[in-house]
């Protein structure tokens, strides 16, 4: 008789799992969404204070030293940022709860004094550490602990940026390229939507842009988009190499973390003053630079902006300041696309939109996330110009950028399980040297 009741037992087990994740994901969404909302308003206040008092930039060295001391006092000098979150999901490593307040405060300090960084790196760590701690308090097993950490990542990303589909997909896709954590789809989607709902209750604005000049699909337009995709792939590689080179150079020549942070602060000040020589009193490259992204989407960007943003961000984050690379990636991709697109006969606004999501794909190795990002960022605010054909053009640029960016990536702990060039298993970390046949070389 056991086999007669076994289908019912399976159904009851699946139902209980669904109800469990329904509750857990909503709890994570509410808690992490609330903290993310607080982070957004603290970030906003810090940015406004810096804009009102530009002299705060002179405190950059002091701010860097303060961040190092905070991590030292909390016993987290070896903090690995977002990489630690990826390891927590893949290997069920423990994420200390103190990570959340530490990265919260240190990111606010970075932006208060004018460092160049984003905010998503902080919010992923905040969401991951809070949800991981909740999982431990609930005594979840190893597999469920990984899922609940992804829920926190999705809820935090969604609350801060207002892009729930992108947030849920990113949490499932970024850890291991080539293998999707489909078991986490219901928890991640529900957490992302709940986190977004909490953020909207407190009037956190979503992120959306209005594209203009989106072309119809023709063979010549597709060819131009593919050519742009090639350029975006090369730019993605350059961004990753600059970021990793800065960390390496700082570590080699300035091994003392406090000295490194102080020198990094001085370098950002000197870079800002250098920029003033041809564009007086501009702070375009300090902070996140969201106004410049909006300008690029409107069709206006300085030709050197993408290079300067990469340099400012590498100098800031390499020195030990906190934040993230994704908003600087948006800045870099949007400004480069805005400048490059007209040379191929495409509208600068359309090129900026392509650049944002394609360079994001190249540095994170997340093509499905990037496609959803294009949909959520541009479809709602483009006055009917964004159609299924438009999404297809974005898909083409994203796909080319994904393939040709090779095995580079922002996160050294990201695993690339399957080759981008052949259907073969390679199981390598991002930034390992690609072998000629499309696999991974073990040489260093």
Protein backbone atom coordinates (compact mmCIF):
# COMPACT_ATOMS: atom_id res chain seq x y z
CA UNK A 1 0.00 0.00 0.00
CA UNK A 2 3.02 2.30 0.43
CA UNK A 3 3.31 2.90 -3.29
CA UNK A 4 -0.34 4.01 -3.43
CA UNK A 5 0.28 6.74 -0.90
CA UNK A 6 3.73 7.75 -2.11
CA UNK A 7 2.48 10.29 -4.71
CA UNK A 8 0.42 11.95 -1.97
CA UNK A 9 3.45 11.97 0.33
CA UNK A 10 5.52 13.59 -2.37
CA UNK A 11 2.82 16.18 -2.98
CA UNK A 12 2.59 16.98 0.74
CA UNK A 13 6.37 17.28 0.97
CA UNK A 14 6.49 19.64 -2.01
CA UNK A 15 3.61 21.67 -0.60
CA UNK A 16 5.33 22.03 2.75
CA UNK A 17 8.54 23.13 0.99
CA UNK A 18 6.57 25.74 -0.96
CA UNK A 19 4.90 27.07 2.18
CA UNK A 20 8.22 27.13 4.01
CA UNK A 21 9.86 29.24 1.30
CA UNK A 22 6.77 31.41 0.99
CA UNK A 23 7.21 32.39 4.64
CA UNK A 24 11.01 32.53 4.65
CA UNK A 25 11.26 34.62 1.47
CA UNK A 26 8.71 37.12 2.72
CA UNK A 27 10.56 37.44 6.04
CA UNK A 28 13.85 38.00 4.21
CA UNK A 29 12.22 40.47 1.83
CA UNK A 30 10.76 42.52 4.69
CA UNK A 31 13.91 42.58 6.82
CA UNK A 32 16.42 43.08 4.01
CA UNK A 33 14.10 45.47 2.17
CA UNK A 34 13.88 47.59 5.30
CA UNK A 35 17.64 47.70 5.79
CA UNK A 36 18.16 48.44 2.07
CA UNK A 37 15.71 51.34 2.36
CA UNK A 38 17.68 52.75 5.28
CA UNK A 39 20.87 52.31 3.25
CA UNK A 40 19.36 54.20 0.30
CA UNK A 41 18.43 57.23 2.42
CA UNK A 42 21.80 57.23 4.19
CA UNK A 43 23.49 57.04 0.79
CA UNK A 44 21.32 59.92 -0.46
CA UNK A 45 22.16 62.10 2.55
CA UNK A 46 25.90 61.42 2.18
CA UNK A 47 25.80 62.28 -1.53
CA UNK A 48 23.86 65.49 -0.94
CA UNK A 49 26.20 66.54 1.86
CA UNK A 50 29.23 66.03 -0.38
CA UNK A 51 27.59 67.97 -3.22
CA UNK A 52 26.76 70.85 -0.89
CA UNK A 53 30.23 70.85 0.71
CA UNK A 54 32.84 69.87 -1.92
CA UNK A 55 35.63 70.50 0.59
CA UNK A 56 34.67 67.17 2.23
CA UNK A 57 36.76 65.56 -0.50
CA UNK A 58 39.84 66.69 1.42
CA UNK A 59 38.87 64.15 4.09
CA UNK A 60 39.39 61.22 1.68
CA UNK A 61 42.64 60.00 3.31
CA UNK A 62 41.08 60.22 6.77
CA UNK A 63 37.96 58.40 5.54
CA UNK A 64 40.07 55.59 4.11
CA UNK A 65 41.98 55.15 7.36
CA UNK A 66 38.70 55.17 9.32
CA UNK A 67 37.34 52.35 7.15
CA UNK A 68 40.46 50.24 7.70
CA UNK A 69 40.26 50.81 11.46
CA UNK A 70 36.58 49.84 11.53
CA UNK A 71 37.32 46.51 9.85
CA UNK A 72 40.33 45.95 12.09
CA UNK A 73 38.33 46.59 15.26
CA UNK A 74 35.70 44.09 14.10
CA UNK A 75 38.27 41.46 13.20
CA UNK A 76 37.47 41.55 9.49
CA UNK A 77 40.69 42.85 7.97
CA UNK A 78 40.63 39.97 5.49
CA UNK A 79 37.16 40.85 4.20
CA UNK A 80 36.77 39.88 0.54
CA UNK A 81 33.70 41.89 -0.30
CA UNK A 82 31.20 40.45 -2.76
CA UNK A 83 33.48 37.46 -3.38
CA UNK A 84 32.70 36.31 0.17
CA UNK A 85 28.98 36.27 -0.67
CA UNK A 86 29.60 34.10 -3.75
CA UNK A 87 31.58 31.62 -1.66
CA UNK A 88 28.80 31.60 0.95
CA UNK A 89 26.28 30.50 -1.70
CA UNK A 90 28.49 27.98 -3.45
CA UNK A 91 30.19 26.41 -0.41
CA UNK A 92 27.80 27.39 2.41
CA UNK A 93 30.54 29.44 4.08
CA UNK A 94 29.40 31.47 7.06
CA UNK A 95 28.72 35.18 6.49
CA UNK A 96 29.11 37.08 9.79
CA UNK A 97 26.22 39.38 10.65
CA UNK A 98 28.66 42.16 11.48
CA UNK A 99 29.42 42.37 7.75
CA UNK A 100 26.13 44.24 7.23
CA UNK A 101 26.70 47.24 9.54
CA UNK A 102 30.39 47.39 8.60
CA UNK A 103 29.85 47.62 4.86
CA UNK A 104 26.84 49.88 5.38
CA UNK A 105 28.86 52.43 7.34
CA UNK A 106 32.06 52.16 5.29
CA UNK A 107 30.23 52.64 1.99
CA UNK A 108 28.51 55.73 3.34
CA UNK A 109 31.92 57.06 4.45
CA UNK A 110 33.33 56.42 0.97
CA UNK A 111 30.59 58.44 -0.70
CA UNK A 112 30.55 61.14 1.98
CA UNK A 113 34.19 62.01 1.25
CA UNK A 114 33.95 61.60 -2.53
CA UNK A 115 35.36 58.17 -3.35
CA UNK A 116 34.34 56.68 -6.69
CA UNK A 117 32.27 53.56 -6.18
CA UNK A 118 28.81 52.14 -6.55
CA UNK A 119 26.35 50.91 -3.97
CA UNK A 120 25.38 47.41 -5.14
CA UNK A 121 28.51 45.73 -3.74
CA UNK A 122 27.54 46.95 -0.30
CA UNK A 123 23.90 46.02 -0.67
CA UNK A 124 24.70 42.48 -1.85
CA UNK A 125 26.91 41.97 1.20
CA UNK A 126 24.28 43.47 3.49
CA UNK A 127 21.50 41.30 2.07
CA UNK A 128 23.66 38.18 2.03
CA UNK A 129 24.96 38.55 5.58
CA UNK A 130 21.53 39.33 7.09
CA UNK A 131 19.79 36.45 5.31
CA UNK A 132 22.65 34.05 6.09
CA UNK A 133 22.37 34.95 9.78
CA UNK A 134 18.60 34.46 9.73
CA UNK A 135 19.18 31.05 8.13
CA UNK A 136 21.52 30.08 10.99
CA UNK A 137 18.98 31.24 13.60
CA UNK A 138 16.33 29.12 11.84
CA UNK A 139 18.76 26.16 11.88
CA UNK A 140 18.42 25.56 8.14
CA UNK A 141 20.44 22.77 6.62
CA UNK A 142 23.35 23.35 4.23
CA UNK A 143 21.30 23.46 1.01
CA UNK A 144 18.56 25.71 2.38
CA UNK A 145 21.18 28.04 3.85
CA UNK A 146 22.54 28.65 0.36
CA UNK A 147 19.08 29.44 -0.98
CA UNK A 148 18.27 31.86 1.81
CA UNK A 149 21.54 33.73 1.18
CA UNK A 150 20.50 34.15 -2.46
CA UNK A 151 17.12 35.44 -1.22
CA UNK A 152 18.91 38.17 0.70
CA UNK A 153 20.95 39.15 -2.36
CA UNK A 154 17.80 39.32 -4.50
CA UNK A 155 15.79 41.31 -1.94
CA UNK A 156 18.57 43.87 -1.40
CA UNK A 157 19.30 44.39 -5.10
CA UNK A 158 15.59 44.71 -5.90
CA UNK A 159 14.86 47.15 -3.09
CA UNK A 160 17.74 49.43 -4.01
CA UNK A 161 17.37 49.46 -7.79
CA UNK A 162 13.69 48.67 -8.27
CA UNK A 163 14.42 45.81 -10.69
CA UNK A 164 12.97 42.61 -9.16
CA UNK A 165 13.38 40.31 -12.17
CA UNK A 166 17.00 41.35 -12.64
CA UNK A 167 17.66 40.96 -8.91
CA UNK A 168 16.22 37.44 -8.71
CA UNK A 169 18.06 36.29 -11.84
CA UNK A 170 21.35 37.85 -10.76
CA UNK A 171 21.28 36.01 -7.43
CA UNK A 172 20.78 32.71 -9.24
CA UNK A 173 23.16 33.33 -12.15
CA UNK A 174 26.23 35.14 -10.83
CA UNK A 175 27.68 32.45 -8.56
CA UNK A 176 28.30 29.69 -11.11
CA UNK A 177 28.27 30.63 -14.80
CA UNK A 178 26.64 27.91 -16.87
CA UNK A 179 24.55 26.41 -14.06
CA UNK A 180 21.42 28.14 -12.81
CA UNK A 181 20.14 27.59 -9.28
CA UNK A 182 16.57 26.93 -10.39
CA UNK A 183 15.62 25.51 -7.00
CA UNK A 184 15.91 29.08 -5.71
CA UNK A 185 13.59 30.65 -8.30
CA UNK A 186 10.47 30.86 -6.12
CA UNK A 187 12.30 32.10 -2.98
CA UNK A 188 14.39 34.62 -4.94
CA UNK A 189 11.45 36.01 -6.93
CA UNK A 190 9.27 36.33 -3.82
CA UNK A 191 12.10 37.92 -1.80
CA UNK A 192 12.83 40.36 -4.62
CA UNK A 193 9.18 41.38 -4.93
CA UNK A 194 8.75 41.71 -1.16
CA UNK A 195 11.93 43.78 -0.86
CA UNK A 196 10.70 46.02 -3.68
CA UNK A 197 7.32 46.42 -1.97
CA UNK A 198 8.98 47.51 1.28
CA UNK A 199 11.17 50.00 -0.58
CA UNK A 200 8.15 51.43 -2.39
CA UNK A 201 6.34 51.88 0.92
CA UNK A 202 9.11 54.30 1.88
CA UNK A 203 9.20 55.94 -1.55
CA UNK A 204 12.56 54.62 -2.71
CA UNK A 205 12.55 55.44 -6.45
CA UNK A 206 13.17 52.72 -9.00
CA UNK A 207 15.82 52.96 -11.69
CA UNK A 208 14.48 53.60 -15.19
CA UNK A 209 15.60 55.45 -18.31
CA UNK A 210 13.95 56.77 -21.46
CA UNK A 211 15.79 55.74 -24.61
CA UNK A 212 15.51 57.63 -27.86
CA UNK A 213 16.63 56.71 -31.36
CA UNK A 214 15.93 53.00 -31.00
CA UNK A 215 16.18 51.65 -34.57
CA UNK A 216 14.07 49.09 -36.36
CA UNK A 217 15.59 45.68 -36.98
CA UNK A 218 17.40 45.48 -40.32
CA UNK A 219 20.49 43.48 -41.37
CA UNK A 220 22.62 46.64 -41.37
CA UNK A 221 21.41 47.70 -37.92
CA UNK A 222 22.10 44.22 -36.57
CA UNK A 223 25.62 44.29 -38.00
CA UNK A 224 26.30 47.64 -36.31
CA UNK A 225 24.93 46.36 -33.01
CA UNK A 226 27.20 43.31 -33.26
CA UNK A 227 30.19 45.58 -33.88
CA UNK A 228 29.27 47.59 -30.80
CA UNK A 229 28.98 44.33 -28.86
CA UNK A 230 32.59 43.52 -29.82
CA UNK A 231 33.71 46.93 -28.52
CA UNK A 232 31.73 46.45 -25.31
CA UNK A 233 33.42 43.07 -24.77
CA UNK A 234 36.85 44.67 -25.12
CA UNK A 235 35.82 47.44 -22.74
CA UNK A 236 34.62 44.84 -20.22
CA UNK A 237 38.01 43.14 -20.32
CA UNK A 238 39.77 46.49 -19.87
CA UNK A 239 37.56 47.37 -16.89
CA UNK A 240 38.28 44.05 -15.15
CA UNK A 241 42.01 44.25 -15.83
CA UNK A 242 42.26 47.82 -14.51
CA UNK A 243 40.32 46.92 -11.34
CA UNK A 244 42.44 43.85 -10.59
CA UNK A 245 45.70 45.61 -11.53
CA UNK A 246 44.98 48.44 -9.09
CA UNK A 247 44.46 45.99 -6.20
CA UNK A 248 47.64 44.14 -7.12
CA UNK A 249 49.74 47.31 -7.35
CA UNK A 250 48.45 48.66 -4.05
CA UNK A 251 49.13 45.32 -2.34
CA UNK A 252 52.64 45.10 -3.79
CA UNK A 253 53.89 48.60 -3.09
CA UNK A 254 51.72 49.59 -0.10
CA UNK A 255 51.24 46.45 2.01
CA UNK A 256 50.12 48.41 5.09
CA UNK A 257 46.32 48.79 4.78
CA UNK A 258 46.16 52.17 6.54
CA UNK A 259 48.95 53.64 4.43
CA UNK A 260 47.30 52.21 1.34
CA UNK A 261 43.95 53.81 2.20
CA UNK A 262 45.53 57.19 2.98
CA UNK A 263 47.58 57.22 -0.22
CA UNK A 264 44.54 56.13 -2.22
CA UNK A 265 42.59 59.06 -0.79
CA UNK A 266 45.35 61.46 -1.78
CA UNK A 267 45.45 60.00 -5.29
CA UNK A 268 41.70 60.51 -5.75
CA UNK A 269 42.10 64.15 -4.66
CA UNK A 270 44.96 64.62 -7.15
CA UNK A 271 42.94 63.00 -9.94
CA UNK A 272 40.02 65.31 -9.20
CA UNK A 273 42.26 68.39 -9.30
CA UNK A 274 43.82 67.16 -12.56
CA UNK A 275 40.38 66.86 -14.16
CA UNK A 276 39.75 70.47 -13.17
CA UNK A 277 42.49 71.59 -15.60
CA UNK A 278 40.16 71.07 -18.57
CA UNK A 279 36.78 70.96 -16.83
CA UNK A 280 36.97 73.29 -13.79
CA UNK A 281 35.22 72.33 -10.56
CA UNK A 282 33.64 69.15 -11.87
CA UNK A 283 33.04 66.22 -9.55
CA UNK A 284 31.59 63.96 -12.25
CA UNK A 285 33.91 61.08 -11.34
CA UNK A 286 33.51 61.23 -7.57
CA UNK A 287 30.69 59.23 -6.05
CA UNK A 288 28.49 56.97 -8.15
CA UNK A 289 27.98 59.37 -11.06
CA UNK A 290 24.31 58.63 -11.68
CA UNK A 291 23.70 62.09 -13.16
CA UNK A 292 26.29 61.36 -15.85
CA UNK A 293 24.56 58.07 -16.67
CA UNK A 294 21.29 59.94 -17.18
CA UNK A 295 23.12 62.45 -19.35
CA UNK A 296 24.57 59.70 -21.52
CA UNK A 297 21.14 58.11 -21.96
CA UNK A 298 19.94 61.56 -23.05
CA UNK A 299 22.67 61.52 -25.71
CA UNK A 300 25.43 63.61 -24.12
CA UNK A 301 28.77 62.36 -22.79
CA UNK A 302 32.36 63.55 -22.78
CA UNK A 303 34.63 61.27 -24.88
CA UNK A 304 37.10 60.72 -22.05
CA UNK A 305 34.47 60.07 -19.36
CA UNK A 306 34.52 56.27 -19.52
CA UNK A 307 38.30 56.10 -19.10
CA UNK A 308 38.34 58.54 -16.21
CA UNK A 309 35.56 56.70 -14.37
CA UNK A 310 37.47 53.42 -14.62
CA UNK A 311 40.60 55.09 -13.28
CA UNK A 312 38.83 56.86 -10.40
CA UNK A 313 37.01 53.65 -9.39
CA UNK A 314 40.13 51.47 -9.55
CA UNK A 315 42.13 53.93 -7.44
CA UNK A 316 39.30 54.21 -4.89
CA UNK A 317 38.33 50.56 -4.43
CA UNK A 318 41.87 49.23 -4.81
CA UNK A 319 42.94 51.38 -1.85
CA UNK A 320 40.39 49.73 0.44
CA UNK A 321 37.40 52.06 0.21
CA UNK A 322 34.06 50.25 0.08
CA UNK A 323 31.18 50.20 -2.35
CA UNK A 324 30.76 48.36 -5.59
CA UNK A 325 31.74 48.32 -9.23
CA UNK A 326 28.36 47.88 -10.95
CA UNK A 327 27.20 51.53 -11.02
CA UNK A 328 30.67 52.56 -12.28
CA UNK A 329 30.24 49.82 -14.90
CA UNK A 330 26.92 51.40 -15.91
CA UNK A 331 28.68 54.78 -16.09
CA UNK A 332 31.51 53.37 -18.20
CA UNK A 333 29.26 51.45 -20.58
CA UNK A 334 26.75 54.27 -21.01
CA UNK A 335 29.31 57.02 -21.69
CA UNK A 336 31.36 54.84 -24.05
CA UNK A 337 28.26 53.67 -25.92
CA UNK A 338 27.00 57.24 -26.22
CA UNK A 339 30.29 58.33 -27.81
CA UNK A 340 30.90 55.24 -29.98
CA UNK A 341 27.40 54.68 -31.41
CA UNK A 342 27.35 57.73 -33.74
CA UNK A 343 30.51 56.48 -35.47
CA UNK A 344 28.44 53.44 -36.55
CA UNK A 345 25.42 55.49 -37.54
CA UNK A 346 23.41 54.72 -34.39
CA UNK A 347 21.76 57.18 -32.02
CA UNK A 348 23.90 58.03 -28.96
CA UNK A 349 21.02 57.35 -26.56
CA UNK A 350 20.52 53.87 -27.99
CA UNK A 351 24.28 53.26 -27.85
CA UNK A 352 24.36 54.34 -24.19
CA UNK A 353 21.59 51.88 -23.34
CA UNK A 354 23.37 49.07 -25.17
CA UNK A 355 26.61 49.95 -23.39
CA UNK A 356 25.07 49.89 -19.91
CA UNK A 357 23.75 46.35 -20.13
CA UNK A 358 26.40 44.87 -22.44
CA UNK A 359 29.39 45.98 -20.37
CA UNK A 360 27.51 44.84 -17.26
CA UNK A 361 27.21 41.42 -18.92
CA UNK A 362 30.87 41.37 -19.90
CA UNK A 363 32.12 42.02 -16.37
CA UNK A 364 29.61 39.83 -14.50
CA UNK A 365 29.19 37.00 -17.06
CA UNK A 366 25.43 37.10 -16.54
CA UNK A 367 23.66 37.29 -19.94
CA UNK A 368 20.12 36.46 -18.78
CA UNK A 369 20.37 38.99 -15.96
CA UNK A 370 21.59 41.58 -18.45
CA UNK A 371 18.67 40.94 -20.80
CA UNK A 372 16.16 41.35 -17.95
CA UNK A 373 18.04 44.46 -16.87
CA UNK A 374 17.51 45.98 -20.33
CA UNK A 375 13.82 45.16 -20.13
CA UNK A 376 13.33 46.65 -16.67
CA UNK A 377 15.49 49.73 -17.21
CA UNK A 378 14.23 50.79 -20.62
CA UNK A 379 10.87 49.24 -21.50
CA UNK A 380 8.80 51.32 -19.10
CA UNK A 381 10.16 54.74 -19.92
CA UNK A 382 10.86 54.79 -23.63
CA UNK A 383 7.49 55.96 -24.89
CA UNK A 384 6.65 52.86 -26.86
CA UNK A 385 10.01 52.83 -28.69
CA UNK A 386 11.14 49.72 -26.83
CA UNK A 387 9.62 46.71 -28.61
CA UNK A 388 10.32 43.02 -28.94
CA UNK A 389 12.65 43.79 -31.84
CA UNK A 390 14.48 46.32 -29.68
CA UNK A 391 14.97 43.68 -27.00
CA UNK A 392 16.34 41.39 -29.71
CA UNK A 393 18.98 43.98 -30.59
CA UNK A 394 19.93 44.25 -26.93
CA UNK A 395 20.13 40.45 -26.79
CA UNK A 396 22.54 40.42 -29.75
CA UNK A 397 24.89 42.97 -28.15
CA UNK A 398 24.71 41.22 -24.77
CA UNK A 399 25.43 37.82 -26.32
CA UNK A 400 28.47 39.11 -28.22
CA UNK A 401 29.80 40.88 -25.14
CA UNK A 402 29.31 37.72 -23.05
CA UNK A 403 31.14 35.50 -25.50
CA UNK A 404 34.03 37.78 -26.43
CA UNK A 405 34.74 39.04 -22.92
CA UNK A 406 36.14 35.56 -22.37
CA UNK A 407 36.79 34.40 -18.84
CA UNK A 408 37.40 37.78 -17.26
CA UNK A 409 35.15 38.98 -14.46
CA UNK A 410 34.86 41.40 -11.56
CA UNK A 411 34.51 38.62 -9.00
CA UNK A 412 37.49 36.30 -8.72
CA UNK A 413 35.42 33.75 -6.78
CA UNK A 414 32.88 33.44 -9.59
CA UNK A 415 33.00 29.94 -11.08
CA UNK A 416 32.69 29.51 -14.86
CA UNK A 417 31.52 25.93 -15.17
CA UNK A 418 30.99 25.70 -18.91
CA UNK A 419 33.02 27.14 -21.77
CA UNK A 420 31.72 30.20 -23.59
CA UNK A 421 32.97 28.80 -26.89
CA UNK A 422 32.26 25.08 -26.85
CA UNK A 423 29.77 22.81 -25.02
CA UNK A 424 32.34 21.53 -22.54
CA UNK A 425 32.77 21.56 -18.78
CA UNK A 426 35.73 23.66 -17.60
CA UNK A 427 35.00 24.46 -13.91
CA UNK A 428 37.36 27.42 -13.53
CA UNK A 429 37.33 30.67 -11.65
CA UNK A 430 36.91 33.96 -13.46
CA UNK A 431 40.18 35.54 -14.63
CA UNK A 432 41.98 32.24 -15.12
CA UNK A 433 43.91 32.35 -18.39
CA UNK A 434 41.86 31.06 -21.36
CA UNK A 435 43.41 28.25 -23.36
CA UNK A 436 43.45 28.43 -27.18
CA UNK A 437 40.79 25.72 -27.58
CA UNK A 438 38.29 27.66 -25.48
CA UNK A 439 38.89 25.87 -22.19
CA UNK A 440 41.03 27.06 -19.29
CA UNK A 441 44.76 26.92 -19.04
CA UNK A 442 46.30 26.02 -15.71
CA UNK A 443 49.26 28.29 -16.38
CA UNK A 444 49.54 31.48 -14.36
